[in-house]
Amino acid sequence: MRKTMHAMTVQRPGGPEVLQLREVPRPEPREGWTLVRVMAFGLNRSELFTRRGMSPTVSFPRVLGIECVGVVEQSHDPGLPEGTTVAAAMGGMGRQFDGSYAEFALLPTAQLMPVRTKLPWSALAAIPESYLTAYGSLEALRLRPGHRLLIRAATSSVGMAALALSAGLEVEVACTTRDPGKVESLREHGADQVILDRGGSIGEHVRAIWRDGADRVLDLVGGGTVLDSLRVLAPGGSVCNSGILSDTWVMPAFEPLEDIPSGATLTTFSSSAINTGAWARLALQDILGQVETGSCRSVIDRIFPLEELAAAHHHMETNQALGKVVAVVHHP
């Protein structure tokens, strides 16, 4: 049995070049922690922030990676026998402890989600964090048939997941993007309308599509756009902010009585809620069922090997992706 493994480590904050493949000791399982053989994982923009040194609670060196799919290698939990297919996300992965950018990851047993699926590893890896966040966001919005849904920053991985999940819900979907080259792709993935966001308010564009405004808005940009999203609501509508793609963490000069229309709601869904409890396991299995039957797609932009994560980070950081960037791990 090998006592070492390959891991993509970050010794100091910086650009994609600080991701270095190294041979490191393989973790040993202990009570409450399970060793997972990582087969694939999705990449996330929060990992860019951590790599740059923008996560104040993270110390280096660190193995990044906030999610993965794989099989149980060793566990003290009799309910997780060797070979069980599992997914994991969040809960401190790649931040408080080493994450998934490696051949093996030692993860808290409580946050592992056993799944039953015939999907290939790359398709499965595109789902946990993005699709559970999208799924929870649409639940928070109480999306129902007949609603008019606006997805802001729809070409992000969570945006594409929300678009895929809404396909079978009998709702009309409008999407925003700042990249003219991605407009047709959004239509091909099921968007009924696409708004080219050139900055500033999009209210005029939304009301040109829906005179009364949008019933529901999933805002993945955050910061200043949330106020604009509230302004494009139809009477009694809802906004859910589930992302901070703008890197702006606060809403400037927010006055609830002035900025939230009477009868409207403003809510959030945080991906930190997806790693524990029965909800996540049931929701993930439901999503996998939808993908396997073809009613929902696993939207993958590109697949990189573990060894090319620096290139994968550059691809994601330069906003080239449409959907999820995935990495696969090849075991000797």
C-alpha atoms as a PDB file:
ATOM      1  CA  MET A   1       0.000   0.000   0.000  1.00  0.00           C
ATOM      2  CA  ARG A   2       1.397   3.377  -0.977  1.00  0.00           C
ATOM      3  CA  LYS A   3       2.134   5.680   1.938  1.00  0.00           C
ATOM      4  CA  THR A   4       2.242   8.752  -0.296  1.00  0.00           C
ATOM      5  CA  MET A   5      -0.036  10.376  -2.859  1.00  0.00           C
ATOM      6  CA  HIS A   6       0.034  13.142  -5.423  1.00  0.00           C
ATOM      7  CA  ALA A   7      -1.637  16.397  -4.449  1.00  0.00           C
ATOM      8  CA  MET A   8      -1.838  19.832  -6.013  1.00  0.00           C
ATOM      9  CA  THR A   9      -0.609  22.050  -3.201  1.00  0.00           C
ATOM     10  CA  VAL A  10      -0.489  25.795  -2.619  1.00  0.00           C
ATOM     11  CA  GLN A  11       2.509  26.858  -0.545  1.00  0.00           C
ATOM     12  CA  ARG A  12       1.799  30.599  -0.721  1.00  0.00           C
ATOM     13  CA  PRO A  13      -0.936  32.853  -2.158  1.00  0.00           C
ATOM     14  CA  GLY A  14      -0.655  33.915  -5.783  1.00  0.00           C
ATOM     15  CA  GLY A  15      -1.713  33.275  -9.364  1.00  0.00           C
ATOM     16  CA  PRO A  16      -2.437  29.895 -10.974  1.00  0.00           C
ATOM     17  CA  GLU A  17       1.297  29.154 -11.047  1.00  0.00           C
ATOM     18  CA  VAL A  18       1.345  28.590  -7.257  1.00  0.00           C
ATOM     19  CA  LEU A  19      -0.558  25.322  -7.791  1.00  0.00           C
ATOM     20  CA  GLN A  20       2.238  22.758  -7.612  1.00  0.00           C
ATOM     21  CA  LEU A  21       1.961  18.975  -7.956  1.00  0.00           C
ATOM     22  CA  ARG A  22       3.812  17.335  -5.054  1.00  0.00           C
ATOM     23  CA  GLU A  23       4.169  13.918  -3.490  1.00  0.00           C
ATOM     24  CA  VAL A  24       2.862  14.135   0.069  1.00  0.00           C
ATOM     25  CA  PRO A  25       2.004  11.655   2.832  1.00  0.00           C
ATOM     26  CA  ARG A  26      -1.292   9.894   2.337  1.00  0.00           C
ATOM     27  CA  PRO A  27      -3.692  10.714   5.205  1.00  0.00           C
ATOM     28  CA  GLU A  28      -4.648   8.011   7.692  1.00  0.00           C
ATOM     29  CA  PRO A  29      -8.321   7.551   8.613  1.00  0.00           C
ATOM     30  CA  ARG A  30      -9.323   8.173  12.214  1.00  0.00           C
ATOM     31  CA  GLU A  31     -12.470   8.169  14.283  1.00  0.00           C
ATOM     32  CA  GLY A  32     -15.025  10.480  12.682  1.00  0.00           C
ATOM     33  CA  TRP A  33     -12.980  10.891   9.492  1.00  0.00           C
ATOM     34  CA  THR A  34     -13.070   8.769   6.320  1.00  0.00           C
ATOM     35  CA  LEU A  35     -10.406   8.387   3.664  1.00  0.00           C
ATOM     36  CA  VAL A  36     -11.913   8.899   0.197  1.00  0.00           C
ATOM     37  CA  ARG A  37     -10.242   7.921  -3.061  1.00  0.00           C
ATOM     38  CA  VAL A  38     -10.942  11.033  -5.119  1.00  0.00           C
ATOM     39  CA  MET A  39     -12.060  10.190  -8.655  1.00  0.00           C
ATOM     40  CA  ALA A  40     -13.072  13.668  -9.848  1.00  0.00           C
ATOM     41  CA  PHE A  41     -14.106  17.080  -8.584  1.00  0.00           C
ATOM     42  CA  GLY A  42     -15.647  20.312  -9.774  1.00  0.00           C
ATOM     43  CA  LEU A  43     -13.772  23.590  -9.546  1.00  0.00           C
ATOM     44  CA  ASN A  44     -15.268  26.646  -7.869  1.00  0.00           C
ATOM     45  CA  ARG A  45     -14.570  30.367  -7.921  1.00  0.00           C
ATOM     46  CA  SER A  46     -14.185  30.388  -4.140  1.00  0.00           C
ATOM     47  CA  GLU A  47     -11.028  28.318  -4.700  1.00  0.00           C
ATOM     48  CA  LEU A  48      -9.648  31.184  -6.787  1.00  0.00           C
ATOM     49  CA  PHE A  49     -10.193  33.538  -3.845  1.00  0.00           C
ATOM     50  CA  THR A  50      -8.481  31.136  -1.452  1.00  0.00           C
ATOM     51  CA  ARG A  51      -5.559  30.637  -3.817  1.00  0.00           C
ATOM     52  CA  ARG A  52      -5.089  34.417  -4.046  1.00  0.00           C
ATOM     53  CA  GLY A  53      -4.981  34.676  -0.247  1.00  0.00           C
ATOM     54  CA  MET A  54      -8.414  36.307   0.037  1.00  0.00           C
ATOM     55  CA  SER A  55      -9.787  33.795   2.574  1.00  0.00           C
ATOM     56  CA  PRO A  56      -8.553  35.185   5.908  1.00  0.00           C
ATOM     57  CA  THR A  57      -9.163  31.970   7.866  1.00  0.00           C
ATOM     58  CA  VAL A  58      -7.040  29.831   5.504  1.00  0.00           C
ATOM     59  CA  SER A  59      -3.383  29.147   6.260  1.00  0.00           C
ATOM     60  CA  PHE A  60      -0.784  27.809   3.838  1.00  0.00           C
ATOM     61  CA  PRO A  61       0.420  25.345   2.713  1.00  0.00           C
ATOM     62  CA  ARG A  62      -2.978  23.956   1.783  1.00  0.00           C
ATOM     63  CA  VAL A  63      -4.551  21.468  -0.608  1.00  0.00           C
ATOM     64  CA  LEU A  64      -7.555  23.307  -2.076  1.00  0.00           C
ATOM     65  CA  GLY A  65     -10.840  21.825  -3.281  1.00  0.00           C
ATOM     66  CA  ILE A  66     -14.264  22.284  -1.677  1.00  0.00           C
ATOM     67  CA  GLU A  67     -15.989  19.282  -3.282  1.00  0.00           C
ATOM     68  CA  CYS A  68     -15.350  15.849  -4.742  1.00  0.00           C
ATOM     69  CA  VAL A  69     -16.809  12.523  -5.780  1.00  0.00           C
ATOM     70  CA  GLY A  70     -15.111   9.203  -5.237  1.00  0.00           C
ATOM     71  CA  VAL A  71     -15.176   5.938  -3.310  1.00  0.00           C
ATOM     72  CA  VAL A  72     -14.563   5.095   0.313  1.00  0.00           C
ATOM     73  CA  GLU A  73     -11.018   3.814   0.756  1.00  0.00           C
ATOM     74  CA  GLN A  74     -11.019   3.360   4.540  1.00  0.00           C
ATOM     75  CA  SER A  75     -13.528   4.254   7.233  1.00  0.00           C
ATOM     76  CA  HIS A  76     -14.256   3.436  10.870  1.00  0.00           C
ATOM     77  CA  ASP A  77     -17.971   3.805  10.118  1.00  0.00           C
ATOM     78  CA  PRO A  78     -19.590   0.395   9.393  1.00  0.00           C
ATOM     79  CA  GLY A  79     -22.223   2.220   7.345  1.00  0.00           C
ATOM     80  CA  LEU A  80     -19.570   3.256   4.820  1.00  0.00           C
ATOM     81  CA  PRO A  81     -17.917   0.063   3.587  1.00  0.00           C
ATOM     82  CA  GLU A  82     -14.932   0.215   1.268  1.00  0.00           C
ATOM     83  CA  GLY A  83     -15.978   0.998  -2.315  1.00  0.00           C
ATOM     84  CA  THR A  84     -19.096   3.032  -1.426  1.00  0.00           C
ATOM     85  CA  THR A  85     -19.648   5.837  -3.927  1.00  0.00           C
ATOM     86  CA  VAL A  86     -19.767   9.171  -2.110  1.00  0.00           C
ATOM     87  CA  ALA A  87     -19.919  12.896  -2.763  1.00  0.00           C
ATOM     88  CA  ALA A  88     -18.782  15.664  -0.450  1.00  0.00           C
ATOM     89  CA  ALA A  89     -18.844  19.443  -0.484  1.00  0.00           C
ATOM     90  CA  MET A  90     -18.079  22.416   1.728  1.00  0.00           C
ATOM     91  CA  GLY A  91     -17.834  21.995   5.507  1.00  0.00           C
ATOM     92  CA  GLY A  92     -14.278  23.306   5.631  1.00  0.00           C
ATOM     93  CA  MET A  93     -12.886  21.293   2.724  1.00  0.00           C
ATOM     94  CA  GLY A  94      -9.842  22.980   1.215  1.00  0.00           C
ATOM     95  CA  ARG A  95     -10.013  25.722   3.830  1.00  0.00           C
ATOM     96  CA  GLN A  96      -9.917  24.470   7.430  1.00  0.00           C
ATOM     97  CA  PHE A  97      -8.424  21.147   6.290  1.00  0.00           C
ATOM     98  CA  ASP A  98      -6.975  19.769   3.052  1.00  0.00           C
ATOM     99  CA  GLY A  99      -9.482  19.297   0.252  1.00  0.00           C
ATOM    100  CA  SER A 100      -9.970  17.416  -2.979  1.00  0.00           C
ATOM    101  CA  TYR A 101      -7.065  18.499  -5.200  1.00  0.00           C
ATOM    102  CA  ALA A 102      -5.393  15.146  -4.519  1.00  0.00           C
ATOM    103  CA  GLU A 103      -5.560  11.398  -5.089  1.00  0.00           C
ATOM    104  CA  PHE A 104      -7.064  10.930  -1.615  1.00  0.00           C
ATOM    105  CA  ALA A 105      -8.922  13.213   0.793  1.00  0.00           C
ATOM    106  CA  LEU A 106      -9.505  12.703   4.511  1.00  0.00           C
ATOM    107  CA  LEU A 107     -13.003  14.061   5.134  1.00  0.00           C
ATOM    108  CA  PRO A 108     -15.428  14.270   8.057  1.00  0.00           C
ATOM    109  CA  THR A 109     -17.598  11.160   7.880  1.00  0.00           C
ATOM    110  CA  ALA A 110     -20.730  13.126   8.791  1.00  0.00           C
ATOM    111  CA  GLN A 111     -20.613  15.222   5.622  1.00  0.00           C
ATOM    112  CA  LEU A 112     -20.185  12.367   3.146  1.00  0.00           C
ATOM    113  CA  MET A 113     -23.221  11.738   0.949  1.00  0.00           C
ATOM    114  CA  PRO A 114     -23.486   8.124  -0.299  1.00  0.00           C
ATOM    115  CA  VAL A 115     -25.124   8.033  -3.725  1.00  0.00           C
ATOM    116  CA  ARG A 116     -26.472   5.461  -6.156  1.00  0.00           C
ATOM    117  CA  THR A 117     -25.660   6.356  -9.745  1.00  0.00           C
ATOM    118  CA  LYS A 118     -24.468   5.041 -13.080  1.00  0.00           C
ATOM    119  CA  LEU A 119     -23.128   8.402 -14.228  1.00  0.00           C
ATOM    120  CA  PRO A 120     -19.471   8.605 -15.256  1.00  0.00           C
ATOM    121  CA  TRP A 121     -17.193  10.293 -12.724  1.00  0.00           C
ATOM    122  CA  SER A 122     -16.821  13.476 -14.772  1.00  0.00           C
ATOM    123  CA  ALA A 123     -20.600  13.978 -15.050  1.00  0.00           C
ATOM    124  CA  LEU A 124     -21.088  13.189 -11.368  1.00  0.00           C
ATOM    125  CA  ALA A 125     -18.326  15.616 -10.359  1.00  0.00           C
ATOM    126  CA  ALA A 126     -20.123  18.534 -12.021  1.00  0.00           C
ATOM    127  CA  ILE A 127     -23.121  18.171  -9.706  1.00  0.00           C
ATOM    128  CA  PRO A 128     -22.610  18.357  -5.909  1.00  0.00           C
ATOM    129  CA  GLU A 129     -21.827  21.982  -5.061  1.00  0.00           C
ATOM    130  CA  SER A 130     -23.354  23.751  -8.076  1.00  0.00           C
ATOM    131  CA  TYR A 131     -26.520  21.708  -8.478  1.00  0.00           C
ATOM    132  CA  LEU A 132     -27.288  21.501  -4.756  1.00  0.00           C
ATOM    133  CA  THR A 133     -26.842  25.274  -4.495  1.00  0.00           C
ATOM    134  CA  ALA A 134     -29.127  25.799  -7.505  1.00  0.00           C
ATOM    135  CA  TYR A 135     -31.649  23.256  -6.189  1.00  0.00           C
ATOM    136  CA  GLY A 136     -31.744  24.925  -2.760  1.00  0.00           C
ATOM    137  CA  SER A 137     -32.025  28.370  -4.350  1.00  0.00           C
ATOM    138  CA  LEU A 138     -35.009  27.381  -6.489  1.00  0.00           C
ATOM    139  CA  GLU A 139     -36.639  25.872  -3.403  1.00  0.00           C
ATOM    140  CA  ALA A 140     -35.988  29.102  -1.486  1.00  0.00           C
ATOM    141  CA  LEU A 141     -37.661  31.031  -4.306  1.00  0.00           C
ATOM    142  CA  ARG A 142     -40.682  28.680  -4.147  1.00  0.00           C
ATOM    143  CA  LEU A 143     -40.536  28.382  -7.922  1.00  0.00           C
ATOM    144  CA  ARG A 144     -43.808  27.096  -9.384  1.00  0.00           C
ATOM    145  CA  PRO A 145     -45.174  26.297 -12.871  1.00  0.00           C
ATOM    146  CA  GLY A 146     -46.090  29.447 -14.752  1.00  0.00           C
ATOM    147  CA  HIS A 147     -43.524  31.638 -13.029  1.00  0.00           C
ATOM    148  CA  ARG A 148     -41.177  33.919 -14.961  1.00  0.00           C
ATOM    149  CA  LEU A 149     -37.640  33.274 -13.697  1.00  0.00           C
ATOM    150  CA  LEU A 150     -34.662  35.567 -14.262  1.00  0.00           C
ATOM    151  CA  ILE A 151     -31.194  34.073 -13.695  1.00  0.00           C
ATOM    152  CA  ARG A 152     -28.448  36.694 -13.361  1.00  0.00           C
ATOM    153  CA  ALA A 153     -24.937  35.473 -14.299  1.00  0.00           C
ATOM    154  CA  ALA A 154     -26.472  32.428 -15.905  1.00  0.00           C
ATOM    155  CA  THR A 155     -23.249  31.193 -17.505  1.00  0.00           C
ATOM    156  CA  SER A 156     -21.718  30.489 -14.088  1.00  0.00           C
ATOM    157  CA  SER A 157     -21.775  26.873 -12.919  1.00  0.00           C
ATOM    158  CA  VAL A 158     -24.648  27.531 -10.488  1.00  0.00           C
ATOM    159  CA  GLY A 159     -26.496  29.541 -13.135  1.00  0.00           C
ATOM    160  CA  MET A 160     -26.219  26.742 -15.684  1.00  0.00           C
ATOM    161  CA  ALA A 161     -27.323  24.241 -13.035  1.00  0.00           C
ATOM    162  CA  ALA A 162     -30.386  26.374 -12.237  1.00  0.00           C
ATOM    163  CA  LEU A 163     -31.190  26.612 -15.944  1.00  0.00           C
ATOM    164  CA  ALA A 164     -30.893  22.836 -16.288  1.00  0.00           C
ATOM    165  CA  LEU A 165     -33.032  22.146 -13.200  1.00  0.00           C
ATOM    166  CA  SER A 166     -35.752  24.565 -14.298  1.00  0.00           C
ATOM    167  CA  ALA A 167     -36.144  22.822 -17.665  1.00  0.00           C
ATOM    168  CA  GLY A 168     -38.877  20.481 -16.450  1.00  0.00           C
ATOM    169  CA  LEU A 169     -40.697  22.938 -14.191  1.00  0.00           C
ATOM    170  CA  GLU A 170     -42.899  24.659 -16.793  1.00  0.00           C
ATOM    171  CA  VAL A 171     -41.442  28.105 -16.128  1.00  0.00           C
ATOM    172  CA  GLU A 172     -40.299  30.790 -18.547  1.00  0.00           C
ATOM    173  CA  VAL A 173     -36.611  31.579 -18.075  1.00  0.00           C
ATOM    174  CA  ALA A 174     -34.624  34.683 -18.984  1.00  0.00           C
ATOM    175  CA  CYS A 175     -30.865  34.690 -18.451  1.00  0.00           C
ATOM    176  CA  THR A 176     -28.239  37.405 -18.296  1.00  0.00           C
ATOM    177  CA  THR A 177     -24.646  37.279 -19.510  1.00  0.00           C
ATOM    178  CA  ARG A 178     -21.976  39.898 -20.121  1.00  0.00           C
ATOM    179  CA  ASP A 179     -20.385  37.868 -22.909  1.00  0.00           C
ATOM    180  CA  PRO A 180     -22.034  38.228 -26.362  1.00  0.00           C
ATOM    181  CA  GLY A 181     -20.316  35.000 -27.395  1.00  0.00           C
ATOM    182  CA  LYS A 182     -22.364  33.018 -24.856  1.00  0.00           C
ATOM    183  CA  VAL A 183     -25.835  34.241 -25.855  1.00  0.00           C
ATOM    184  CA  GLU A 184     -26.515  31.440 -28.355  1.00  0.00           C
ATOM    185  CA  SER A 185     -25.192  28.791 -25.984  1.00  0.00           C
ATOM    186  CA  LEU A 186     -27.638  29.909 -23.305  1.00  0.00           C
ATOM    187  CA  ARG A 187     -30.498  29.577 -25.778  1.00  0.00           C
ATOM    188  CA  GLU A 188     -29.265  26.110 -26.748  1.00  0.00           C
ATOM    189  CA  HIS A 189     -29.287  25.135 -23.069  1.00  0.00           C
ATOM    190  CA  GLY A 190     -32.932  26.142 -22.655  1.00  0.00           C
ATOM    191  CA  ALA A 191     -33.104  29.887 -21.993  1.00  0.00           C
ATOM    192  CA  ASP A 192     -36.280  31.376 -23.460  1.00  0.00           C
ATOM    193  CA  GLN A 193     -34.775  34.874 -23.436  1.00  0.00           C
ATOM    194  CA  VAL A 194     -31.220  36.182 -23.046  1.00  0.00           C
ATOM    195  CA  ILE A 195     -30.303  39.664 -21.841  1.00  0.00           C
ATOM    196  CA  LEU A 196     -26.853  41.027 -22.607  1.00  0.00           C
ATOM    197  CA  ASP A 197     -25.834  42.744 -19.373  1.00  0.00           C
ATOM    198  CA  ARG A 198     -23.620  45.721 -20.138  1.00  0.00           C
ATOM    199  CA  GLY A 199     -23.547  46.954 -16.546  1.00  0.00           C
ATOM    200  CA  GLY A 200     -26.011  49.197 -14.794  1.00  0.00           C
ATOM    201  CA  SER A 201     -29.715  48.505 -14.520  1.00  0.00           C
ATOM    202  CA  ILE A 202     -31.341  45.773 -16.609  1.00  0.00           C
ATOM    203  CA  GLY A 203     -34.883  46.824 -15.702  1.00  0.00           C
ATOM    204  CA  GLU A 204     -35.695  48.160 -19.172  1.00  0.00           C
ATOM    205  CA  HIS A 205     -34.586  44.879 -20.790  1.00  0.00           C
ATOM    206  CA  VAL A 206     -36.580  42.751 -18.339  1.00  0.00           C
ATOM    207  CA  ARG A 207     -39.772  44.754 -18.802  1.00  0.00           C
ATOM    208  CA  ALA A 208     -39.365  44.603 -22.561  1.00  0.00           C
ATOM    209  CA  ILE A 209     -39.741  40.824 -22.134  1.00  0.00           C
ATOM    210  CA  TRP A 210     -42.238  40.781 -19.248  1.00  0.00           C
ATOM    211  CA  ARG A 211     -44.211  44.001 -18.856  1.00  0.00           C
ATOM    212  CA  ASP A 212     -44.954  43.335 -15.183  1.00  0.00           C
ATOM    213  CA  GLY A 213     -41.424  42.149 -14.396  1.00  0.00           C
ATOM    214  CA  ALA A 214     -39.980  38.834 -13.214  1.00  0.00           C
ATOM    215  CA  ASP A 215     -41.806  36.684 -10.670  1.00  0.00           C
ATOM    216  CA  ARG A 216     -38.560  35.201  -9.387  1.00  0.00           C
ATOM    217  CA  VAL A 217     -34.918  36.326  -9.652  1.00  0.00           C
ATOM    218  CA  LEU A 218     -31.905  34.170  -8.878  1.00  0.00           C
ATOM    219  CA  ASP A 219     -29.091  36.680  -8.390  1.00  0.00           C
ATOM    220  CA  LEU A 220     -25.619  35.117  -8.537  1.00  0.00           C
ATOM    221  CA  VAL A 221     -23.747  38.411  -8.949  1.00  0.00           C
ATOM    222  CA  GLY A 222     -24.477  39.864  -5.523  1.00  0.00           C
ATOM    223  CA  GLY A 223     -23.452  43.215  -4.098  1.00  0.00           C
ATOM    224  CA  GLY A 224     -24.969  46.128  -5.991  1.00  0.00           C
ATOM    225  CA  THR A 225     -26.994  44.007  -8.435  1.00  0.00           C
ATOM    226  CA  VAL A 226     -29.341  42.763  -5.703  1.00  0.00           C
ATOM    227  CA  LEU A 227     -30.959  46.197  -5.461  1.00  0.00           C
ATOM    228  CA  ASP A 228     -31.467  46.220  -9.232  1.00  0.00           C
ATOM    229  CA  SER A 229     -32.914  42.693  -9.066  1.00  0.00           C
ATOM    230  CA  LEU A 230     -35.482  43.891  -6.525  1.00  0.00           C
ATOM    231  CA  ARG A 231     -36.473  46.684  -8.903  1.00  0.00           C
ATOM    232  CA  VAL A 232     -37.274  44.274 -11.768  1.00  0.00           C
ATOM    233  CA  LEU A 233     -39.731  42.197  -9.712  1.00  0.00           C
ATOM    234  CA  ALA A 234     -43.366  41.740 -10.557  1.00  0.00           C
ATOM    235  CA  PRO A 235     -45.778  42.412  -7.668  1.00  0.00           C
ATOM    236  CA  GLY A 236     -45.325  39.806  -4.933  1.00  0.00           C
ATOM    237  CA  GLY A 237     -42.090  38.521  -6.467  1.00  0.00           C
ATOM    238  CA  SER A 238     -38.957  37.149  -4.827  1.00  0.00           C
ATOM    239  CA  VAL A 239     -35.197  37.555  -5.163  1.00  0.00           C
ATOM    240  CA  CYS A 240     -32.748  34.917  -3.949  1.00  0.00           C
ATOM    241  CA  ASN A 241     -29.088  35.941  -3.719  1.00  0.00           C
ATOM    242  CA  SER A 242     -26.913  32.824  -3.839  1.00  0.00           C
ATOM    243  CA  GLY A 243     -23.630  34.112  -5.227  1.00  0.00           C
ATOM    244  CA  ILE A 244     -21.016  36.856  -4.999  1.00  0.00           C
ATOM    245  CA  LEU A 245     -19.487  36.714  -8.469  1.00  0.00           C
ATOM    246  CA  SER A 246     -18.934  40.470  -8.390  1.00  0.00           C
ATOM    247  CA  ASP A 247     -16.495  40.083  -5.456  1.00  0.00           C
ATOM    248  CA  THR A 248     -18.650  42.710  -3.695  1.00  0.00           C
ATOM    249  CA  TRP A 249     -19.900  41.265  -0.424  1.00  0.00           C
ATOM    250  CA  VAL A 250     -22.242  44.056   0.731  1.00  0.00           C
ATOM    251  CA  MET A 251     -25.155  46.015  -0.718  1.00  0.00           C
ATOM    252  CA  PRO A 252     -24.345  49.743  -0.733  1.00  0.00           C
ATOM    253  CA  ALA A 253     -26.771  52.042   1.094  1.00  0.00           C
ATOM    254  CA  PHE A 254     -29.399  49.331   1.579  1.00  0.00           C
ATOM    255  CA  GLU A 255     -32.676  50.635   3.017  1.00  0.00           C
ATOM    256  CA  PRO A 256     -35.130  47.724   3.385  1.00  0.00           C
ATOM    257  CA  LEU A 257     -38.291  49.843   3.576  1.00  0.00           C
ATOM    258  CA  GLU A 258     -37.293  51.712   0.422  1.00  0.00           C
ATOM    259  CA  ASP A 259     -35.503  49.017  -1.568  1.00  0.00           C
ATOM    260  CA  ILE A 260     -37.739  45.962  -1.065  1.00  0.00           C
ATOM    261  CA  PRO A 261     -41.045  46.500  -2.903  1.00  0.00           C
ATOM    262  CA  SER A 262     -44.148  46.058  -0.756  1.00  0.00           C
ATOM    263  CA  GLY A 263     -45.144  42.394  -0.701  1.00  0.00           C
ATOM    264  CA  ALA A 264     -41.872  41.227  -2.252  1.00  0.00           C
ATOM    265  CA  THR A 265     -39.322  39.003  -0.534  1.00  0.00           C
ATOM    266  CA  LEU A 266     -35.529  38.948  -0.440  1.00  0.00           C
ATOM    267  CA  THR A 267     -33.933  35.675   0.602  1.00  0.00           C
ATOM    268  CA  THR A 268     -30.655  33.796   0.282  1.00  0.00           C
ATOM    269  CA  PHE A 269     -29.360  30.280  -0.082  1.00  0.00           C
ATOM    270  CA  SER A 270     -25.828  29.577   1.067  1.00  0.00           C
ATOM    271  CA  SER A 271     -23.848  26.618  -0.264  1.00  0.00           C
ATOM    272  CA  SER A 272     -22.621  26.130   3.304  1.00  0.00           C
ATOM    273  CA  ALA A 273     -26.015  24.508   3.938  1.00  0.00           C
ATOM    274  CA  ILE A 274     -25.452  21.644   1.505  1.00  0.00           C
ATOM    275  CA  ASN A 275     -22.980  19.475   3.379  1.00  0.00           C
ATOM    276  CA  THR A 276     -25.033  18.131   6.281  1.00  0.00           C
ATOM    277  CA  GLY A 277     -28.412  16.609   7.034  1.00  0.00           C
ATOM    278  CA  ALA A 278     -30.901  14.472   5.203  1.00  0.00           C
ATOM    279  CA  TRP A 279     -31.968  17.314   2.875  1.00  0.00           C
ATOM    280  CA  ALA A 280     -28.667  17.302   0.983  1.00  0.00           C
ATOM    281  CA  ARG A 281     -28.565  13.520   0.521  1.00  0.00           C
ATOM    282  CA  LEU A 282     -32.174  13.354  -0.677  1.00  0.00           C
ATOM    283  CA  ALA A 283     -31.788  16.389  -2.936  1.00  0.00           C
ATOM    284  CA  LEU A 284     -28.573  15.040  -4.485  1.00  0.00           C
ATOM    285  CA  GLN A 285     -30.162  11.673  -5.217  1.00  0.00           C
ATOM    286  CA  ASP A 286     -33.175  13.445  -6.763  1.00  0.00           C
ATOM    287  CA  ILE A 287     -30.866  15.520  -8.995  1.00  0.00           C
ATOM    288  CA  LEU A 288     -28.928  12.420 -10.078  1.00  0.00           C
ATOM    289  CA  GLY A 289     -32.200  10.738 -10.980  1.00  0.00           C
ATOM    290  CA  GLN A 290     -33.177  13.696 -13.144  1.00  0.00           C
ATOM    291  CA  VAL A 291     -29.807  13.671 -14.911  1.00  0.00           C
ATOM    292  CA  GLU A 292     -29.937   9.906 -15.492  1.00  0.00           C
ATOM    293  CA  THR A 293     -33.430  10.098 -17.024  1.00  0.00           C
ATOM    294  CA  GLY A 294     -32.409  13.011 -19.247  1.00  0.00           C
ATOM    295  CA  SER A 295     -34.846  15.540 -17.776  1.00  0.00           C
ATOM    296  CA  CYS A 296     -31.868  17.567 -16.528  1.00  0.00           C
ATOM    297  CA  ARG A 297     -28.353  17.905 -17.919  1.00  0.00           C
ATOM    298  CA  SER A 298     -25.005  17.789 -16.158  1.00  0.00           C
ATOM    299  CA  VAL A 299     -23.489  20.881 -17.760  1.00  0.00           C
ATOM    300  CA  ILE A 300     -19.719  20.502 -18.138  1.00  0.00           C
ATOM    301  CA  ASP A 301     -17.575  23.165 -19.740  1.00  0.00           C
ATOM    302  CA  ARG A 302     -14.186  21.419 -19.829  1.00  0.00           C
ATOM    303  CA  ILE A 303     -12.426  18.486 -18.179  1.00  0.00           C
ATOM    304  CA  PHE A 304      -8.821  18.771 -16.986  1.00  0.00           C
ATOM    305  CA  PRO A 305      -6.541  16.161 -15.414  1.00  0.00           C
ATOM    306  CA  LEU A 306      -5.340  16.825 -11.863  1.00  0.00           C
ATOM    307  CA  GLU A 307      -1.892  17.650 -13.214  1.00  0.00           C
ATOM    308  CA  GLU A 308      -3.260  20.610 -15.227  1.00  0.00           C
ATOM    309  CA  LEU A 309      -5.109  22.475 -12.473  1.00  0.00           C
ATOM    310  CA  ALA A 310      -3.079  25.643 -13.049  1.00  0.00           C
ATOM    311  CA  ALA A 311      -4.473  25.771 -16.596  1.00  0.00           C
ATOM    312  CA  ALA A 312      -7.959  24.988 -15.258  1.00  0.00           C
ATOM    313  CA  HIS A 313      -7.726  27.900 -12.805  1.00  0.00           C
ATOM    314  CA  HIS A 314      -6.611  30.235 -15.581  1.00  0.00           C
ATOM    315  CA  HIS A 315      -9.520  29.070 -17.755  1.00  0.00           C
ATOM    316  CA  MET A 316     -11.999  29.752 -14.954  1.00  0.00           C
ATOM    317  CA  GLU A 317     -10.385  33.000 -13.802  1.00  0.00           C
ATOM    318  CA  THR A 318     -10.531  34.508 -17.304  1.00  0.00           C
ATOM    319  CA  ASN A 319     -14.278  33.774 -17.494  1.00  0.00           C
ATOM    320  CA  GLN A 320     -14.002  31.386 -20.422  1.00  0.00           C
ATOM    321  CA  ALA A 321     -16.208  28.709 -18.855  1.00  0.00           C
ATOM    322  CA  LEU A 322     -19.865  28.038 -19.644  1.00  0.00           C
ATOM    323  CA  GLY A 323     -20.944  25.728 -16.871  1.00  0.00           C
ATOM    324  CA  LYS A 324     -18.760  23.547 -14.668  1.00  0.00           C
ATOM    325  CA  VAL A 325     -15.032  23.035 -14.983  1.00  0.00           C
ATOM    326  CA  VAL A 326     -14.187  19.501 -13.842  1.00  0.00           C
ATOM    327  CA  ALA A 327     -10.934  17.763 -12.935  1.00  0.00           C
ATOM    328  CA  VAL A 328     -10.420  13.994 -13.066  1.00  0.00           C
ATOM    329  CA  VAL A 329      -7.889  12.071 -11.003  1.00  0.00           C
ATOM    330  CA  HIS A 330      -6.058   9.168 -12.625  1.00  0.00           C
ATOM    331  CA  HIS A 331      -4.911   6.628 -10.050  1.00  0.00           C
ATOM    332  CA  PRO A 332      -1.907   4.378 -10.741  1.00  0.00           C
END
